[in-house]
mmCIF file of all heavy atoms, coordinates in Angstrom:
data_MODEL
# 
_entry.id   MODEL 
# 
loop_
_atom_site.group_PDB 
_atom_site.id 
_atom_site.type_symbol 
_atom_site.label_atom_id 
_atom_site.label_alt_id 
_atom_site.label_comp_id 
_atom_site.label_asym_id 
_atom_site.label_entity_id 
_atom_site.label_seq_id 
_atom_site.pdbx_PDB_ins_code 
_atom_site.Cartn_x 
_atom_site.Cartn_y 
_atom_site.Cartn_z 
_atom_site.occupancy 
_atom_site.B_iso_or_equiv 
_atom_site.pdbx_formal_charge 
_atom_site.auth_seq_id 
_atom_site.auth_comp_id 
_atom_site.auth_asym_id 
_atom_site.auth_atom_id 
_atom_site.pdbx_PDB_model_num 
ATOM 1   N N   . GLU A 1 1  ? -5.266  -15.056 7.235   1.00 0.00 ? 1  GLU A N   1 
ATOM 2   C CA  . GLU A 1 1  ? -5.685  -13.662 7.409   1.00 0.00 ? 1  GLU A CA  1 
ATOM 3   C C   . GLU A 1 1  ? -5.831  -12.967 6.052   1.00 0.00 ? 1  GLU A C   1 
ATOM 4   O O   . GLU A 1 1  ? -6.801  -12.246 5.809   1.00 0.00 ? 1  GLU A O   1 
ATOM 5   C CB  . GLU A 1 1  ? -4.682  -12.891 8.264   1.00 0.00 ? 1  GLU A CB  1 
ATOM 6   C CG  . GLU A 1 1  ? -5.066  -11.432 8.470   1.00 0.00 ? 1  GLU A CG  1 
ATOM 7   C CD  . GLU A 1 1  ? -4.007  -10.616 9.173   1.00 0.00 ? 1  GLU A CD  1 
ATOM 8   O OE1 . GLU A 1 1  ? -3.365  -11.137 10.105  1.00 0.00 ? 1  GLU A OE1 1 
ATOM 9   O OE2 . GLU A 1 1  ? -3.823  -9.444  8.783   1.00 0.00 ? 1  GLU A OE2 1 
ATOM 10  N N   . GLU A 1 2  ? -4.874  -13.191 5.180   1.00 0.00 ? 2  GLU A N   1 
ATOM 11  C CA  . GLU A 1 2  ? -4.917  -12.582 3.850   1.00 0.00 ? 2  GLU A CA  1 
ATOM 12  C C   . GLU A 1 2  ? -6.185  -12.989 3.109   1.00 0.00 ? 2  GLU A C   1 
ATOM 13  O O   . GLU A 1 2  ? -6.853  -12.152 2.482   1.00 0.00 ? 2  GLU A O   1 
ATOM 14  C CB  . GLU A 1 2  ? -3.692  -13.015 3.048   1.00 0.00 ? 2  GLU A CB  1 
ATOM 15  C CG  . GLU A 1 2  ? -3.679  -12.525 1.609   1.00 0.00 ? 2  GLU A CG  1 
ATOM 16  C CD  . GLU A 1 2  ? -2.544  -13.126 0.789   1.00 0.00 ? 2  GLU A CD  1 
ATOM 17  O OE1 . GLU A 1 2  ? -1.619  -13.714 1.387   1.00 0.00 ? 2  GLU A OE1 1 
ATOM 18  O OE2 . GLU A 1 2  ? -2.600  -13.020 -0.445  1.00 0.00 ? 2  GLU A OE2 1 
ATOM 19  N N   . CYS A 1 3  ? -6.529  -14.262 3.179   1.00 0.00 ? 3  CYS A N   1 
ATOM 20  C CA  . CYS A 1 3  ? -7.714  -14.746 2.470   1.00 0.00 ? 3  CYS A CA  1 
ATOM 21  C C   . CYS A 1 3  ? -9.000  -14.253 3.118   1.00 0.00 ? 3  CYS A C   1 
ATOM 22  O O   . CYS A 1 3  ? -9.988  -13.992 2.423   1.00 0.00 ? 3  CYS A O   1 
ATOM 23  C CB  . CYS A 1 3  ? -7.691  -16.277 2.391   1.00 0.00 ? 3  CYS A CB  1 
ATOM 24  S SG  . CYS A 1 3  ? -6.475  -16.910 1.211   1.00 0.00 ? 3  CYS A SG  1 
ATOM 25  N N   . ALA A 1 4  ? -8.985  -14.110 4.439   1.00 0.00 ? 4  ALA A N   1 
ATOM 26  C CA  . ALA A 1 4  ? -10.163 -13.548 5.122   1.00 0.00 ? 4  ALA A CA  1 
ATOM 27  C C   . ALA A 1 4  ? -10.377 -12.101 4.670   1.00 0.00 ? 4  ALA A C   1 
ATOM 28  O O   . ALA A 1 4  ? -11.513 -11.668 4.458   1.00 0.00 ? 4  ALA A O   1 
ATOM 29  C CB  . ALA A 1 4  ? -9.973  -13.607 6.635   1.00 0.00 ? 4  ALA A CB  1 
ATOM 30  N N   . TYR A 1 5  ? -9.286  -11.380 4.515   1.00 0.00 ? 5  TYR A N   1 
ATOM 31  C CA  . TYR A 1 5  ? -9.376  -9.999  4.020   1.00 0.00 ? 5  TYR A CA  1 
ATOM 32  C C   . TYR A 1 5  ? -9.857  -9.977  2.576   1.00 0.00 ? 5  TYR A C   1 
ATOM 33  O O   . TYR A 1 5  ? -10.734 -9.174  2.215   1.00 0.00 ? 5  TYR A O   1 
ATOM 34  C CB  . TYR A 1 5  ? -8.010  -9.318  4.114   1.00 0.00 ? 5  TYR A CB  1 
ATOM 35  C CG  . TYR A 1 5  ? -7.953  -7.988  3.389   1.00 0.00 ? 5  TYR A CG  1 
ATOM 36  C CD1 . TYR A 1 5  ? -8.523  -6.841  3.946   1.00 0.00 ? 5  TYR A CD1 1 
ATOM 37  C CD2 . TYR A 1 5  ? -7.358  -7.888  2.123   1.00 0.00 ? 5  TYR A CD2 1 
ATOM 38  C CE1 . TYR A 1 5  ? -8.485  -5.625  3.277   1.00 0.00 ? 5  TYR A CE1 1 
ATOM 39  C CE2 . TYR A 1 5  ? -7.321  -6.682  1.446   1.00 0.00 ? 5  TYR A CE2 1 
ATOM 40  C CZ  . TYR A 1 5  ? -7.882  -5.553  2.023   1.00 0.00 ? 5  TYR A CZ  1 
ATOM 41  O OH  . TYR A 1 5  ? -7.863  -4.359  1.349   1.00 0.00 ? 5  TYR A OH  1 
ATOM 42  N N   . MET A 1 6  ? -9.307  -10.844 1.746   1.00 0.00 ? 6  MET A N   1 
ATOM 43  C CA  . MET A 1 6  ? -9.684  -10.877 0.340   1.00 0.00 ? 6  MET A CA  1 
ATOM 44  C C   . MET A 1 6  ? -11.155 -11.267 0.167   1.00 0.00 ? 6  MET A C   1 
ATOM 45  O O   . MET A 1 6  ? -11.821 -10.813 -0.772  1.00 0.00 ? 6  MET A O   1 
ATOM 46  C CB  . MET A 1 6  ? -8.792  -11.849 -0.433  1.00 0.00 ? 6  MET A CB  1 
ATOM 47  C CG  . MET A 1 6  ? -7.376  -11.354 -0.646  1.00 0.00 ? 6  MET A CG  1 
ATOM 48  S SD  . MET A 1 6  ? -7.300  -9.755  -1.519  1.00 0.00 ? 6  MET A SD  1 
ATOM 49  C CE  . MET A 1 6  ? -8.079  -10.192 -3.090  1.00 0.00 ? 6  MET A CE  1 
ATOM 50  N N   . HIS A 1 7  ? -11.659 -12.102 1.075   1.00 0.00 ? 7  HIS A N   1 
ATOM 51  C CA  . HIS A 1 7  ? -13.084 -12.445 1.056   1.00 0.00 ? 7  HIS A CA  1 
ATOM 52  C C   . HIS A 1 7  ? -13.924 -11.179 1.152   1.00 0.00 ? 7  HIS A C   1 
ATOM 53  O O   . HIS A 1 7  ? -14.845 -10.960 0.355   1.00 0.00 ? 7  HIS A O   1 
ATOM 54  C CB  . HIS A 1 7  ? -13.400 -13.380 2.224   1.00 0.00 ? 7  HIS A CB  1 
ATOM 55  C CG  . HIS A 1 7  ? -14.860 -13.514 2.526   1.00 0.00 ? 7  HIS A CG  1 
ATOM 56  N ND1 . HIS A 1 7  ? -15.748 -14.126 1.680   1.00 0.00 ? 7  HIS A ND1 1 
ATOM 57  C CD2 . HIS A 1 7  ? -15.599 -13.071 3.585   1.00 0.00 ? 7  HIS A CD2 1 
ATOM 58  C CE1 . HIS A 1 7  ? -16.963 -14.079 2.193   1.00 0.00 ? 7  HIS A CE1 1 
ATOM 59  N NE2 . HIS A 1 7  ? -16.901 -13.438 3.342   1.00 0.00 ? 7  HIS A NE2 1 
ATOM 60  N N   . ALA A 1 8  ? -13.587 -10.311 2.103   1.00 0.00 ? 8  ALA A N   1 
ATOM 61  C CA  . ALA A 1 8  ? -14.307 -9.039  2.265   1.00 0.00 ? 8  ALA A CA  1 
ATOM 62  C C   . ALA A 1 8  ? -14.041 -8.105  1.087   1.00 0.00 ? 8  ALA A C   1 
ATOM 63  O O   . ALA A 1 8  ? -14.946 -7.427  0.599   1.00 0.00 ? 8  ALA A O   1 
ATOM 64  C CB  . ALA A 1 8  ? -13.901 -8.371  3.577   1.00 0.00 ? 8  ALA A CB  1 
ATOM 65  N N   . TYR A 1 9  ? -12.800 -8.082  0.630   1.00 0.00 ? 9  TYR A N   1 
ATOM 66  C CA  . TYR A 1 9  ? -12.418 -7.167  -0.446  1.00 0.00 ? 9  TYR A CA  1 
ATOM 67  C C   . TYR A 1 9  ? -13.144 -7.495  -1.752  1.00 0.00 ? 9  TYR A C   1 
ATOM 68  O O   . TYR A 1 9  ? -13.419 -6.587  -2.556  1.00 0.00 ? 9  TYR A O   1 
ATOM 69  C CB  . TYR A 1 9  ? -10.908 -7.215  -0.667  1.00 0.00 ? 9  TYR A CB  1 
ATOM 70  C CG  . TYR A 1 9  ? -10.415 -6.152  -1.622  1.00 0.00 ? 9  TYR A CG  1 
ATOM 71  C CD1 . TYR A 1 9  ? -10.326 -4.825  -1.217  1.00 0.00 ? 9  TYR A CD1 1 
ATOM 72  C CD2 . TYR A 1 9  ? -10.049 -6.471  -2.925  1.00 0.00 ? 9  TYR A CD2 1 
ATOM 73  C CE1 . TYR A 1 9  ? -9.884  -3.840  -2.086  1.00 0.00 ? 9  TYR A CE1 1 
ATOM 74  C CE2 . TYR A 1 9  ? -9.613  -5.491  -3.801  1.00 0.00 ? 9  TYR A CE2 1 
ATOM 75  C CZ  . TYR A 1 9  ? -9.524  -4.184  -3.376  1.00 0.00 ? 9  TYR A CZ  1 
ATOM 76  O OH  . TYR A 1 9  ? -9.095  -3.204  -4.240  1.00 0.00 ? 9  TYR A OH  1 
ATOM 77  N N   . CYS A 1 10 ? -13.458 -8.756  -1.965  1.00 0.00 ? 10 CYS A N   1 
ATOM 78  C CA  . CYS A 1 10 ? -14.195 -9.145  -3.178  1.00 0.00 ? 10 CYS A CA  1 
ATOM 79  C C   . CYS A 1 10 ? -15.560 -8.464  -3.235  1.00 0.00 ? 10 CYS A C   1 
ATOM 80  O O   . CYS A 1 10 ? -16.024 -8.071  -4.307  1.00 0.00 ? 10 CYS A O   1 
ATOM 81  C CB  . CYS A 1 10 ? -14.361 -10.662 -3.244  1.00 0.00 ? 10 CYS A CB  1 
ATOM 82  S SG  . CYS A 1 10 ? -12.871 -11.532 -3.753  1.00 0.00 ? 10 CYS A SG  1 
ATOM 83  N N   . PHE A 1 11 ? -16.208 -8.326  -2.087  1.00 0.00 ? 11 PHE A N   1 
ATOM 84  C CA  . PHE A 1 11 ? -17.499 -7.628  -2.054  1.00 0.00 ? 11 PHE A CA  1 
ATOM 85  C C   . PHE A 1 11 ? -17.303 -6.146  -2.346  1.00 0.00 ? 11 PHE A C   1 
ATOM 86  O O   . PHE A 1 11 ? -18.158 -5.509  -2.973  1.00 0.00 ? 11 PHE A O   1 
ATOM 87  C CB  . PHE A 1 11 ? -18.184 -7.830  -0.706  1.00 0.00 ? 11 PHE A CB  1 
ATOM 88  C CG  . PHE A 1 11 ? -18.690 -9.235  -0.499  1.00 0.00 ? 11 PHE A CG  1 
ATOM 89  C CD1 . PHE A 1 11 ? -18.001 -10.118 0.304   1.00 0.00 ? 11 PHE A CD1 1 
ATOM 90  C CD2 . PHE A 1 11 ? -19.838 -9.668  -1.136  1.00 0.00 ? 11 PHE A CD2 1 
ATOM 91  C CE1 . PHE A 1 11 ? -18.450 -11.418 0.484   1.00 0.00 ? 11 PHE A CE1 1 
ATOM 92  C CE2 . PHE A 1 11 ? -20.299 -10.967 -0.970  1.00 0.00 ? 11 PHE A CE2 1 
ATOM 93  C CZ  . PHE A 1 11 ? -19.601 -11.853 -0.160  1.00 0.00 ? 11 PHE A CZ  1 
ATOM 94  N N   . TYR A 1 12 ? -16.184 -5.597  -1.899  1.00 0.00 ? 12 TYR A N   1 
ATOM 95  C CA  . TYR A 1 12 ? -15.855 -4.203  -2.220  1.00 0.00 ? 12 TYR A CA  1 
ATOM 96  C C   . TYR A 1 12 ? -15.695 -4.055  -3.736  1.00 0.00 ? 12 TYR A C   1 
ATOM 97  O O   . TYR A 1 12 ? -16.222 -3.110  -4.336  1.00 0.00 ? 12 TYR A O   1 
ATOM 98  C CB  . TYR A 1 12 ? -14.564 -3.794  -1.511  1.00 0.00 ? 12 TYR A CB  1 
ATOM 99  C CG  . TYR A 1 12 ? -14.011 -2.461  -1.973  1.00 0.00 ? 12 TYR A CG  1 
ATOM 100 C CD1 . TYR A 1 12 ? -14.490 -1.267  -1.445  1.00 0.00 ? 12 TYR A CD1 1 
ATOM 101 C CD2 . TYR A 1 12 ? -13.014 -2.408  -2.950  1.00 0.00 ? 12 TYR A CD2 1 
ATOM 102 C CE1 . TYR A 1 12 ? -13.997 -0.043  -1.877  1.00 0.00 ? 12 TYR A CE1 1 
ATOM 103 C CE2 . TYR A 1 12 ? -12.514 -1.190  -3.395  1.00 0.00 ? 12 TYR A CE2 1 
ATOM 104 C CZ  . TYR A 1 12 ? -13.004 -0.016  -2.860  1.00 0.00 ? 12 TYR A CZ  1 
ATOM 105 O OH  . TYR A 1 12 ? -12.514 1.190   -3.295  1.00 0.00 ? 12 TYR A OH  1 
ATOM 106 N N   . GLU A 1 13 ? -14.974 -4.980  -4.345  1.00 0.00 ? 13 GLU A N   1 
ATOM 107 C CA  . GLU A 1 13 ? -14.768 -4.937  -5.794  1.00 0.00 ? 13 GLU A CA  1 
ATOM 108 C C   . GLU A 1 13 ? -16.086 -5.089  -6.553  1.00 0.00 ? 13 GLU A C   1 
ATOM 109 O O   . GLU A 1 13 ? -16.260 -4.541  -7.638  1.00 0.00 ? 13 GLU A O   1 
ATOM 110 C CB  . GLU A 1 13 ? -13.808 -6.053  -6.219  1.00 0.00 ? 13 GLU A CB  1 
ATOM 111 C CG  . GLU A 1 13 ? -12.364 -5.844  -5.810  1.00 0.00 ? 13 GLU A CG  1 
ATOM 112 C CD  . GLU A 1 13 ? -11.605 -4.956  -6.771  1.00 0.00 ? 13 GLU A CD  1 
ATOM 113 O OE1 . GLU A 1 13 ? -12.213 -4.035  -7.354  1.00 0.00 ? 13 GLU A OE1 1 
ATOM 114 O OE2 . GLU A 1 13 ? -10.399 -5.179  -6.949  1.00 0.00 ? 13 GLU A OE2 1 
ATOM 115 N N   . ASN A 1 14 ? -17.002 -5.835  -5.969  1.00 0.00 ? 14 ASN A N   1 
ATOM 116 C CA  . ASN A 1 14 ? -18.280 -6.120  -6.629  1.00 0.00 ? 14 ASN A CA  1 
ATOM 117 C C   . ASN A 1 14 ? -19.326 -5.032  -6.387  1.00 0.00 ? 14 ASN A C   1 
ATOM 118 O O   . ASN A 1 14 ? -20.426 -5.094  -6.935  1.00 0.00 ? 14 ASN A O   1 
ATOM 119 C CB  . ASN A 1 14 ? -18.822 -7.470  -6.146  1.00 0.00 ? 14 ASN A CB  1 
ATOM 120 C CG  . ASN A 1 14 ? -19.662 -8.158  -7.203  1.00 0.00 ? 14 ASN A CG  1 
ATOM 121 O OD1 . ASN A 1 14 ? -19.368 -8.081  -8.398  1.00 0.00 ? 14 ASN A OD1 1 
ATOM 122 N ND2 . ASN A 1 14 ? -20.707 -8.844  -6.780  1.00 0.00 ? 14 ASN A ND2 1 
ATOM 123 N N   . SER A 1 15 ? -18.976 -4.038  -5.574  1.00 0.00 ? 15 SER A N   1 
ATOM 124 C CA  . SER A 1 15 ? -19.913 -2.957  -5.261  1.00 0.00 ? 15 SER A CA  1 
ATOM 125 C C   . SER A 1 15 ? -20.182 -2.104  -6.492  1.00 0.00 ? 15 SER A C   1 
ATOM 126 O O   . SER A 1 15 ? -19.258 -1.691  -7.192  1.00 0.00 ? 15 SER A O   1 
ATOM 127 C CB  . SER A 1 15 ? -19.332 -2.083  -4.139  1.00 0.00 ? 15 SER A CB  1 
ATOM 128 O OG  . SER A 1 15 ? -20.142 -0.970  -3.897  1.00 0.00 ? 15 SER A OG  1 
ATOM 129 N N   . SER A 1 16 ? -21.461 -1.841  -6.739  1.00 0.00 ? 16 SER A N   1 
ATOM 130 C CA  . SER A 1 16 ? -21.865 -1.088  -7.928  1.00 0.00 ? 16 SER A CA  1 
ATOM 131 C C   . SER A 1 16 ? -21.759 0.414   -7.713  1.00 0.00 ? 16 SER A C   1 
ATOM 132 O O   . SER A 1 16 ? -21.566 0.883   -6.587  1.00 0.00 ? 16 SER A O   1 
ATOM 133 C CB  . SER A 1 16 ? -23.320 -1.426  -8.291  1.00 0.00 ? 16 SER A CB  1 
ATOM 134 O OG  . SER A 1 16 ? -23.493 -2.810  -8.468  1.00 0.00 ? 16 SER A OG  1 
ATOM 135 N N   . ASP A 1 17 ? -21.900 1.176   -8.799  1.00 0.00 ? 17 ASP A N   1 
ATOM 136 C CA  . ASP A 1 17 ? -21.974 2.634   -8.699  1.00 0.00 ? 17 ASP A CA  1 
ATOM 137 C C   . ASP A 1 17 ? -23.145 3.016   -7.805  1.00 0.00 ? 17 ASP A C   1 
ATOM 138 O O   . ASP A 1 17 ? -24.139 2.277   -7.703  1.00 0.00 ? 17 ASP A O   1 
ATOM 139 C CB  . ASP A 1 17 ? -22.146 3.266   -10.079 1.00 0.00 ? 17 ASP A CB  1 
ATOM 140 C CG  . ASP A 1 17 ? -20.905 3.118   -10.945 1.00 0.00 ? 17 ASP A CG  1 
ATOM 141 O OD1 . ASP A 1 17 ? -19.825 2.911   -10.363 1.00 0.00 ? 17 ASP A OD1 1 
ATOM 142 O OD2 . ASP A 1 17 ? -21.025 3.182   -12.178 1.00 0.00 ? 17 ASP A OD2 1 
ATOM 143 N N   . PHE A 1 18 ? -23.070 4.193   -7.190  1.00 0.00 ? 18 PHE A N   1 
ATOM 144 C CA  . PHE A 1 18 ? -24.048 4.580   -6.169  1.00 0.00 ? 18 PHE A CA  1 
ATOM 145 C C   . PHE A 1 18 ? -25.481 4.612   -6.690  1.00 0.00 ? 18 PHE A C   1 
ATOM 146 O O   . PHE A 1 18 ? -26.429 4.445   -5.936  1.00 0.00 ? 18 PHE A O   1 
ATOM 147 C CB  . PHE A 1 18 ? -23.687 5.941   -5.560  1.00 0.00 ? 18 PHE A CB  1 
ATOM 148 C CG  . PHE A 1 18 ? -24.032 7.125   -6.424  1.00 0.00 ? 18 PHE A CG  1 
ATOM 149 C CD1 . PHE A 1 18 ? -25.278 7.726   -6.325  1.00 0.00 ? 18 PHE A CD1 1 
ATOM 150 C CD2 . PHE A 1 18 ? -23.119 7.634   -7.338  1.00 0.00 ? 18 PHE A CD2 1 
ATOM 151 C CE1 . PHE A 1 18 ? -25.610 8.823   -7.120  1.00 0.00 ? 18 PHE A CE1 1 
ATOM 152 C CE2 . PHE A 1 18 ? -23.436 8.726   -8.122  1.00 0.00 ? 18 PHE A CE2 1 
ATOM 153 C CZ  . PHE A 1 18 ? -24.690 9.313   -8.019  1.00 0.00 ? 18 PHE A CZ  1 
ATOM 154 N N   . ASN A 1 19 ? -25.654 4.829   -7.999  1.00 0.00 ? 19 ASN A N   1 
ATOM 155 C CA  . ASN A 1 19 ? -27.004 4.925   -8.555  1.00 0.00 ? 19 ASN A CA  1 
ATOM 156 C C   . ASN A 1 19 ? -27.603 3.571   -8.889  1.00 0.00 ? 19 ASN A C   1 
ATOM 157 O O   . ASN A 1 19 ? -28.729 3.489   -9.378  1.00 0.00 ? 19 ASN A O   1 
ATOM 158 C CB  . ASN A 1 19 ? -27.002 5.823   -9.799  1.00 0.00 ? 19 ASN A CB  1 
ATOM 159 C CG  . ASN A 1 19 ? -26.025 5.350   -10.859 1.00 0.00 ? 19 ASN A CG  1 
ATOM 160 O OD1 . ASN A 1 19 ? -24.992 4.769   -10.544 1.00 0.00 ? 19 ASN A OD1 1 
ATOM 161 N ND2 . ASN A 1 19 ? -26.353 5.591   -12.113 1.00 0.00 ? 19 ASN A ND2 1 
ATOM 162 N N   . LEU A 1 20 ? -26.867 2.488   -8.610  1.00 0.00 ? 20 LEU A N   1 
ATOM 163 C CA  . LEU A 1 20 ? -27.364 1.126   -8.862  1.00 0.00 ? 20 LEU A CA  1 
ATOM 164 C C   . LEU A 1 20 ? -27.626 0.424   -7.534  1.00 0.00 ? 20 LEU A C   1 
ATOM 165 O O   . LEU A 1 20 ? -27.520 1.010   -6.465  1.00 0.00 ? 20 LEU A O   1 
ATOM 166 C CB  . LEU A 1 20 ? -26.342 0.348   -9.698  1.00 0.00 ? 20 LEU A CB  1 
ATOM 167 C CG  . LEU A 1 20 ? -26.005 0.951   -11.072 1.00 0.00 ? 20 LEU A CG  1 
ATOM 168 C CD1 . LEU A 1 20 ? -24.891 0.157   -11.737 1.00 0.00 ? 20 LEU A CD1 1 
ATOM 169 C CD2 . LEU A 1 20 ? -27.243 0.999   -11.966 1.00 0.00 ? 20 LEU A CD2 1 
ATOM 170 N N   . ASP A 1 21 ? -27.989 -0.850  -7.618  1.00 0.00 ? 21 ASP A N   1 
ATOM 171 C CA  . ASP A 1 21 ? -28.278 -1.635  -6.415  1.00 0.00 ? 21 ASP A CA  1 
ATOM 172 C C   . ASP A 1 21 ? -27.046 -1.698  -5.504  1.00 0.00 ? 21 ASP A C   1 
ATOM 173 O O   . ASP A 1 21 ? -25.926 -1.914  -5.975  1.00 0.00 ? 21 ASP A O   1 
ATOM 174 C CB  . ASP A 1 21 ? -28.705 -3.052  -6.816  1.00 0.00 ? 21 ASP A CB  1 
ATOM 175 C CG  . ASP A 1 21 ? -29.022 -3.906  -5.610  1.00 0.00 ? 21 ASP A CG  1 
ATOM 176 O OD1 . ASP A 1 21 ? -30.054 -3.684  -4.968  1.00 0.00 ? 21 ASP A OD1 1 
ATOM 177 O OD2 . ASP A 1 21 ? -28.212 -4.812  -5.300  1.00 0.00 ? 21 ASP A OD2 1 
ATOM 178 N N   . GLN A 1 22 ? -27.265 -1.521  -4.205  1.00 0.00 ? 22 GLN A N   1 
ATOM 179 C CA  . GLN A 1 22 ? -26.152 -1.435  -3.260  1.00 0.00 ? 22 GLN A CA  1 
ATOM 180 C C   . GLN A 1 22 ? -26.061 -2.646  -2.324  1.00 0.00 ? 22 GLN A C   1 
ATOM 181 O O   . GLN A 1 22 ? -25.464 -2.560  -1.244  1.00 0.00 ? 22 GLN A O   1 
ATOM 182 C CB  . GLN A 1 22 ? -26.289 -0.152  -2.443  1.00 0.00 ? 22 GLN A CB  1 
ATOM 183 C CG  . GLN A 1 22 ? -26.106 1.117   -3.254  1.00 0.00 ? 22 GLN A CG  1 
ATOM 184 C CD  . GLN A 1 22 ? -24.754 1.179   -3.936  1.00 0.00 ? 22 GLN A CD  1 
ATOM 185 O OE1 . GLN A 1 22 ? -23.719 1.147   -3.283  1.00 0.00 ? 22 GLN A OE1 1 
ATOM 186 N NE2 . GLN A 1 22 ? -24.761 1.241   -5.268  1.00 0.00 ? 22 GLN A NE2 1 
ATOM 187 N N   . THR A 1 23 ? -26.593 -3.785  -2.745  1.00 0.00 ? 23 THR A N   1 
ATOM 188 C CA  . THR A 1 23 ? -26.541 -4.992  -1.912  1.00 0.00 ? 23 THR A CA  1 
ATOM 189 C C   . THR A 1 23 ? -25.105 -5.387  -1.598  1.00 0.00 ? 23 THR A C   1 
ATOM 190 O O   . THR A 1 23 ? -24.763 -5.688  -0.442  1.00 0.00 ? 23 THR A O   1 
ATOM 191 C CB  . THR A 1 23 ? -27.264 -6.153  -2.614  1.00 0.00 ? 23 THR A CB  1 
ATOM 192 O OG1 . THR A 1 23 ? -28.630 -5.788  -2.859  1.00 0.00 ? 23 THR A OG1 1 
ATOM 193 C CG2 . THR A 1 23 ? -27.228 -7.408  -1.757  1.00 0.00 ? 23 THR A CG2 1 
ATOM 194 N N   . SER A 1 24 ? -24.246 -5.386  -2.624  1.00 0.00 ? 24 SER A N   1 
ATOM 195 C CA  . SER A 1 24 ? -22.844 -5.762  -2.409  1.00 0.00 ? 24 SER A CA  1 
ATOM 196 C C   . SER A 1 24 ? -22.110 -4.728  -1.566  1.00 0.00 ? 24 SER A C   1 
ATOM 197 O O   . SER A 1 24 ? -21.188 -5.058  -0.814  1.00 0.00 ? 24 SER A O   1 
ATOM 198 C CB  . SER A 1 24 ? -22.129 -5.942  -3.751  1.00 0.00 ? 24 SER A CB  1 
ATOM 199 O OG  . SER A 1 24 ? -22.556 -7.136  -4.386  1.00 0.00 ? 24 SER A OG  1 
ATOM 200 N N   . THR A 1 25 ? -22.506 -3.479  -1.670  1.00 0.00 ? 25 THR A N   1 
ATOM 201 C CA  . THR A 1 25 ? -21.890 -2.420  -0.863  1.00 0.00 ? 25 THR A CA  1 
ATOM 202 C C   . THR A 1 25 ? -22.153 -2.665  0.620   1.00 0.00 ? 25 THR A C   1 
ATOM 203 O O   . THR A 1 25 ? -21.246 -2.597  1.451   1.00 0.00 ? 25 THR A O   1 
ATOM 204 C CB  . THR A 1 25 ? -22.441 -1.044  -1.260  1.00 0.00 ? 25 THR A CB  1 
ATOM 205 O OG1 . THR A 1 25 ? -22.194 -0.826  -2.656  1.00 0.00 ? 25 THR A OG1 1 
ATOM 206 C CG2 . THR A 1 25 ? -21.799 0.067   -0.459  1.00 0.00 ? 25 THR A CG2 1 
# 
């Protein structure tokens, strides 16, 4: 479960500022 959460959280960490590309968001 922890790793499944961290999988999703990595995309959160990789999310760019709002004025940039939002694919990871």
